Amino acid sequence: KHFVEALLADHATRVATLIGAVCGNQLARGRALLEREPELSGADLFAGCACGEPSVVARALAKDAALATRAGGPNGWQPLVYVCFSRFWRADAARAQGLSSVAELLLAHGADPNACFFVDHDGRRLAQTCLYGAAGIASSAPLTKLLLDAGANVDEITAPNDTVESAAE
């Protein structure tokens, strides 16, 4: 089913599917997309971040350094978040090296080591921070150290209004 969907989807949808798979729990799906179309990993800044393509990211930042902090892509995340939540860290040593280079590039261009996205958990909106991605998802001590050295906050972050309205209200 996924293969047929990918065949029928337009380029932008395939790129978004790749990024979602690589930064979610569907790495096999992401790898299948890359086997069929390796160029998808360099389709845009966010794909380059998720797939560890430093040359793609360097070219984008050379054109506009502000991209290092601009949220976007299929999840609406800042670029460093895609890097830190990529499942390639633990599954592909070559891509992990590329991800490390991408993280360094982004931080050198002003990326926020505290960038995050929010999830609802037990009635609270909790941040899934780059540091959580580095230590908890990627299990990468070097990435974790890089973020800490760049000023990552080790404390739990909640949304300004950290309560989530219940579905009954």
C-alpha atoms as a PDB file:
ATOM      1  CA  LYS A   1       0.000   0.000   0.000  1.00  0.00           C
ATOM      2  CA  HIS A   2       2.745   2.458   0.972  1.00  0.00           C
ATOM      3  CA  PHE A   3       4.665   1.671  -2.221  1.00  0.00           C
ATOM      4  CA  VAL A   4       1.646   2.341  -4.437  1.00  0.00           C
ATOM      5  CA  GLU A   5       0.826   5.538  -2.521  1.00  0.00           C
ATOM      6  CA  ALA A   6       4.386   6.740  -3.042  1.00  0.00           C
ATOM      7  CA  LEU A   7       4.233   5.968  -6.762  1.00  0.00           C
ATOM      8  CA  LEU A   8       1.054   7.981  -7.155  1.00  0.00           C
ATOM      9  CA  ALA A   9       2.044  10.928  -4.967  1.00  0.00           C
ATOM     10  CA  ASP A  10       3.527  14.135  -6.307  1.00  0.00           C
ATOM     11  CA  HIS A  11       7.133  15.094  -5.509  1.00  0.00           C
ATOM     12  CA  ALA A  12       6.280  17.383  -2.574  1.00  0.00           C
ATOM     13  CA  THR A  13       4.145  14.685  -0.979  1.00  0.00           C
ATOM     14  CA  ARG A  14       6.916  12.100  -1.375  1.00  0.00           C
ATOM     15  CA  VAL A  15       9.398  14.484   0.296  1.00  0.00           C
ATOM     16  CA  ALA A  16       6.969  15.135   3.167  1.00  0.00           C
ATOM     17  CA  THR A  17       6.351  11.394   3.524  1.00  0.00           C
ATOM     18  CA  LEU A  18      10.097  10.756   3.651  1.00  0.00           C
ATOM     19  CA  ILE A  19      10.640  13.367   6.342  1.00  0.00           C
ATOM     20  CA  GLY A  20       7.672  12.137   8.382  1.00  0.00           C
ATOM     21  CA  ALA A  21       8.882   8.548   8.167  1.00  0.00           C
ATOM     22  CA  VAL A  22      12.510   9.356   9.019  1.00  0.00           C
ATOM     23  CA  CYS A  23      11.525  11.568  11.973  1.00  0.00           C
ATOM     24  CA  GLY A  24       8.820   9.172  13.145  1.00  0.00           C
ATOM     25  CA  ASN A  25       8.712   5.481  13.740  1.00  0.00           C
ATOM     26  CA  GLN A  26       8.653   4.437  10.084  1.00  0.00           C
ATOM     27  CA  LEU A  27      12.321   4.366   9.138  1.00  0.00           C
ATOM     28  CA  ALA A  28      11.800   1.319   6.908  1.00  0.00           C
ATOM     29  CA  ARG A  29       9.283   3.324   4.892  1.00  0.00           C
ATOM     30  CA  GLY A  30      11.744   6.216   4.624  1.00  0.00           C
ATOM     31  CA  ARG A  31      14.510   3.895   3.496  1.00  0.00           C
ATOM     32  CA  ALA A  32      12.232   2.368   0.848  1.00  0.00           C
ATOM     33  CA  LEU A  33      11.492   5.845  -0.508  1.00  0.00           C
ATOM     34  CA  LEU A  34      15.208   6.649  -0.616  1.00  0.00           C
ATOM     35  CA  GLU A  35      16.024   3.371  -2.366  1.00  0.00           C
ATOM     36  CA  ARG A  36      13.581   4.288  -5.094  1.00  0.00           C
ATOM     37  CA  GLU A  37      14.477   8.003  -5.213  1.00  0.00           C
ATOM     38  CA  PRO A  38      17.776   8.806  -3.468  1.00  0.00           C
ATOM     39  CA  GLU A  39      17.506  12.443  -4.552  1.00  0.00           C
ATOM     40  CA  LEU A  40      14.591  12.965  -2.142  1.00  0.00           C
ATOM     41  CA  SER A  41      17.085  13.363   0.721  1.00  0.00           C
ATOM     42  CA  GLY A  42      18.292  16.592  -0.865  1.00  0.00           C
ATOM     43  CA  ALA A  43      14.946  17.917  -2.063  1.00  0.00           C
ATOM     44  CA  ASP A  44      14.868  20.803   0.412  1.00  0.00           C
ATOM     45  CA  LEU A  45      16.395  22.098   3.626  1.00  0.00           C
ATOM     46  CA  PHE A  46      14.154  19.985   5.864  1.00  0.00           C
ATOM     47  CA  ALA A  47      14.781  16.743   3.967  1.00  0.00           C
ATOM     48  CA  GLY A  48      18.506  17.539   4.096  1.00  0.00           C
ATOM     49  CA  CYS A  49      18.258  18.027   7.847  1.00  0.00           C
ATOM     50  CA  ALA A  50      16.305  14.810   8.462  1.00  0.00           C
ATOM     51  CA  CYS A  51      18.543  12.741   6.185  1.00  0.00           C
ATOM     52  CA  GLY A  52      21.925  14.201   7.123  1.00  0.00           C
ATOM     53  CA  GLU A  53      22.842  15.982   3.893  1.00  0.00           C
ATOM     54  CA  PRO A  54      25.309  18.727   4.933  1.00  0.00           C
ATOM     55  CA  SER A  55      25.900  20.010   1.380  1.00  0.00           C
ATOM     56  CA  VAL A  56      22.170  20.624   0.912  1.00  0.00           C
ATOM     57  CA  VAL A  57      21.938  22.463   4.226  1.00  0.00           C
ATOM     58  CA  ALA A  58      25.123  24.464   3.593  1.00  0.00           C
ATOM     59  CA  ARG A  59      23.789  25.659   0.207  1.00  0.00           C
ATOM     60  CA  ALA A  60      20.472  26.714   1.751  1.00  0.00           C
ATOM     61  CA  LEU A  61      22.176  28.569   4.596  1.00  0.00           C
ATOM     62  CA  ALA A  62      24.567  30.298   2.175  1.00  0.00           C
ATOM     63  CA  LYS A  63      21.536  31.741   0.403  1.00  0.00           C
ATOM     64  CA  ASP A  64      19.702  32.693   3.612  1.00  0.00           C
ATOM     65  CA  ALA A  65      21.305  32.166   7.041  1.00  0.00           C
ATOM     66  CA  ALA A  66      17.975  32.955   8.743  1.00  0.00           C
ATOM     67  CA  LEU A  67      16.724  29.553   7.561  1.00  0.00           C
ATOM     68  CA  ALA A  68      18.622  28.040  10.503  1.00  0.00           C
ATOM     69  CA  THR A  69      15.884  29.260  12.841  1.00  0.00           C
ATOM     70  CA  ARG A  70      12.844  29.334  10.540  1.00  0.00           C
ATOM     71  CA  ALA A  71      10.241  26.659  11.229  1.00  0.00           C
ATOM     72  CA  GLY A  72       8.814  24.825   8.265  1.00  0.00           C
ATOM     73  CA  GLY A  73       8.677  21.507   6.494  1.00  0.00           C
ATOM     74  CA  PRO A  74       5.886  18.985   6.912  1.00  0.00           C
ATOM     75  CA  ASN A  75       5.917  19.139  10.729  1.00  0.00           C
ATOM     76  CA  GLY A  76       6.381  22.904  11.064  1.00  0.00           C
ATOM     77  CA  TRP A  77       9.572  22.392  13.066  1.00  0.00           C
ATOM     78  CA  GLN A  78      12.807  24.355  13.118  1.00  0.00           C
ATOM     79  CA  PRO A  79      15.544  22.609  11.095  1.00  0.00           C
ATOM     80  CA  LEU A  80      17.555  21.466  14.128  1.00  0.00           C
ATOM     81  CA  VAL A  81      14.533  19.577  15.452  1.00  0.00           C
ATOM     82  CA  TYR A  82      14.418  17.478  12.263  1.00  0.00           C
ATOM     83  CA  VAL A  83      18.096  16.673  12.764  1.00  0.00           C
ATOM     84  CA  CYS A  84      17.670  15.648  16.389  1.00  0.00           C
ATOM     85  CA  PHE A  85      14.577  13.503  15.783  1.00  0.00           C
ATOM     86  CA  SER A  86      15.945  11.693  12.727  1.00  0.00           C
ATOM     87  CA  ARG A  87      15.904   7.940  13.257  1.00  0.00           C
ATOM     88  CA  PHE A  88      19.015   7.649  11.086  1.00  0.00           C
ATOM     89  CA  TRP A  89      21.196   8.446  14.130  1.00  0.00           C
ATOM     90  CA  ARG A  90      20.915   4.873  15.390  1.00  0.00           C
ATOM     91  CA  ALA A  91      20.382   3.075  12.097  1.00  0.00           C
ATOM     92  CA  ASP A  92      22.942   4.411   9.609  1.00  0.00           C
ATOM     93  CA  ALA A  93      26.476   5.415  10.619  1.00  0.00           C
ATOM     94  CA  ALA A  94      27.149   7.363   7.408  1.00  0.00           C
ATOM     95  CA  ARG A  95      23.935   9.360   7.725  1.00  0.00           C
ATOM     96  CA  ALA A  96      24.629   9.883  11.449  1.00  0.00           C
ATOM     97  CA  GLN A  97      27.933  11.524  10.515  1.00  0.00           C
ATOM     98  CA  GLY A  98      26.064  13.728   8.071  1.00  0.00           C
ATOM     99  CA  LEU A  99      23.485  14.583  10.723  1.00  0.00           C
ATOM    100  CA  SER A 100      26.285  15.607  13.071  1.00  0.00           C
ATOM    101  CA  SER A 101      27.718  17.932  10.411  1.00  0.00           C
ATOM    102  CA  VAL A 102      24.259  19.377   9.756  1.00  0.00           C
ATOM    103  CA  ALA A 103      23.727  20.050  13.480  1.00  0.00           C
ATOM    104  CA  GLU A 104      27.078  21.858  13.659  1.00  0.00           C
ATOM    105  CA  LEU A 105      26.220  23.937  10.581  1.00  0.00           C
ATOM    106  CA  LEU A 106      22.831  24.930  11.934  1.00  0.00           C
ATOM    107  CA  LEU A 107      24.209  25.892  15.346  1.00  0.00           C
ATOM    108  CA  ALA A 108      27.000  27.909  13.709  1.00  0.00           C
ATOM    109  CA  HIS A 109      24.261  29.822  11.853  1.00  0.00           C
ATOM    110  CA  GLY A 110      22.297  30.595  15.019  1.00  0.00           C
ATOM    111  CA  ALA A 111      19.979  27.622  15.378  1.00  0.00           C
ATOM    112  CA  ASP A 112      18.306  27.435  18.778  1.00  0.00           C
ATOM    113  CA  PRO A 113      19.510  24.418  20.810  1.00  0.00           C
ATOM    114  CA  ASN A 114      16.224  24.712  22.732  1.00  0.00           C
ATOM    115  CA  ALA A 115      14.023  24.442  19.631  1.00  0.00           C
ATOM    116  CA  CYS A 116      11.110  22.113  20.218  1.00  0.00           C
ATOM    117  CA  PHE A 117       7.607  21.056  19.347  1.00  0.00           C
ATOM    118  CA  PHE A 118       4.783  20.405  21.800  1.00  0.00           C
ATOM    119  CA  VAL A 119       2.773  17.261  22.508  1.00  0.00           C
ATOM    120  CA  ASP A 120      -0.177  16.691  24.786  1.00  0.00           C
ATOM    121  CA  HIS A 121       0.662  14.378  27.682  1.00  0.00           C
ATOM    122  CA  ASP A 122      -1.426  13.739  30.800  1.00  0.00           C
ATOM    123  CA  GLY A 123      -3.297  17.017  30.427  1.00  0.00           C
ATOM    124  CA  ARG A 124      -0.169  19.096  29.863  1.00  0.00           C
ATOM    125  CA  ARG A 125       1.561  20.427  26.759  1.00  0.00           C
ATOM    126  CA  LEU A 126       5.143  19.214  27.006  1.00  0.00           C
ATOM    127  CA  ALA A 127       8.033  20.204  24.802  1.00  0.00           C
ATOM    128  CA  GLN A 128       9.868  17.608  22.794  1.00  0.00           C
ATOM    129  CA  THR A 129      13.178  19.455  22.737  1.00  0.00           C
ATOM    130  CA  CYS A 130      16.256  18.982  20.614  1.00  0.00           C
ATOM    131  CA  LEU A 131      17.986  17.723  23.740  1.00  0.00           C
ATOM    132  CA  TYR A 132      15.290  15.073  24.235  1.00  0.00           C
ATOM    133  CA  GLY A 133      15.684  14.060  20.593  1.00  0.00           C
ATOM    134  CA  ALA A 134      19.473  13.857  20.933  1.00  0.00           C
ATOM    135  CA  ALA A 135      19.563  11.892  24.179  1.00  0.00           C
ATOM    136  CA  GLY A 136      16.276   9.994  24.119  1.00  0.00           C
ATOM    137  CA  ILE A 137      15.592   9.332  20.445  1.00  0.00           C
ATOM    138  CA  ALA A 138      19.018   9.438  18.793  1.00  0.00           C
ATOM    139  CA  SER A 139      20.913   8.145  21.837  1.00  0.00           C
ATOM    140  CA  SER A 140      23.815  10.253  20.642  1.00  0.00           C
ATOM    141  CA  ALA A 141      26.239  11.403  23.303  1.00  0.00           C
ATOM    142  CA  PRO A 142      28.147  13.650  20.834  1.00  0.00           C
ATOM    143  CA  LEU A 143      24.945  15.379  19.685  1.00  0.00           C
ATOM    144  CA  THR A 144      23.783  15.755  23.279  1.00  0.00           C
ATOM    145  CA  LYS A 145      27.128  17.343  24.214  1.00  0.00           C
ATOM    146  CA  LEU A 146      27.002  19.620  21.173  1.00  0.00           C
ATOM    147  CA  LEU A 147      23.575  20.893  22.230  1.00  0.00           C
ATOM    148  CA  LEU A 148      24.593  21.326  25.870  1.00  0.00           C
ATOM    149  CA  ASP A 149      27.705  23.233  24.819  1.00  0.00           C
ATOM    150  CA  ALA A 150      25.443  25.449  22.683  1.00  0.00           C
ATOM    151  CA  GLY A 151      23.273  26.263  25.711  1.00  0.00           C
ATOM    152  CA  ALA A 152      20.496  23.679  25.641  1.00  0.00           C
ATOM    153  CA  ASN A 153      18.229  23.864  28.690  1.00  0.00           C
ATOM    154  CA  VAL A 154      18.106  20.617  30.683  1.00  0.00           C
ATOM    155  CA  ASP A 155      14.872  21.511  32.475  1.00  0.00           C
ATOM    156  CA  GLU A 156      11.476  20.318  31.324  1.00  0.00           C
ATOM    157  CA  ILE A 157       9.696  22.881  29.186  1.00  0.00           C
ATOM    158  CA  THR A 158       5.937  23.274  29.082  1.00  0.00           C
ATOM    159  CA  ALA A 159       3.808  25.497  26.908  1.00  0.00           C
ATOM    160  CA  PRO A 160       2.933  28.899  28.421  1.00  0.00           C
ATOM    161  CA  ASN A 161      -0.588  27.598  28.984  1.00  0.00           C
ATOM    162  CA  ASP A 162       0.433  24.057  29.906  1.00  0.00           C
ATOM    163  CA  THR A 163      -3.010  22.626  30.521  1.00  0.00           C
ATOM    164  CA  VAL A 164      -4.871  20.922  27.735  1.00  0.00           C
ATOM    165  CA  GLU A 165      -8.623  21.314  27.625  1.00  0.00           C
ATOM    166  CA  SER A 166     -10.308  17.976  28.028  1.00  0.00           C
ATOM    167  CA  ALA A 167     -12.413  16.645  25.180  1.00  0.00           C
ATOM    168  CA  ALA A 168     -15.488  16.853  27.436  1.00  0.00           C
ATOM    169  CA  GLU A 169     -15.221  20.648  27.770  1.00  0.00           C
END
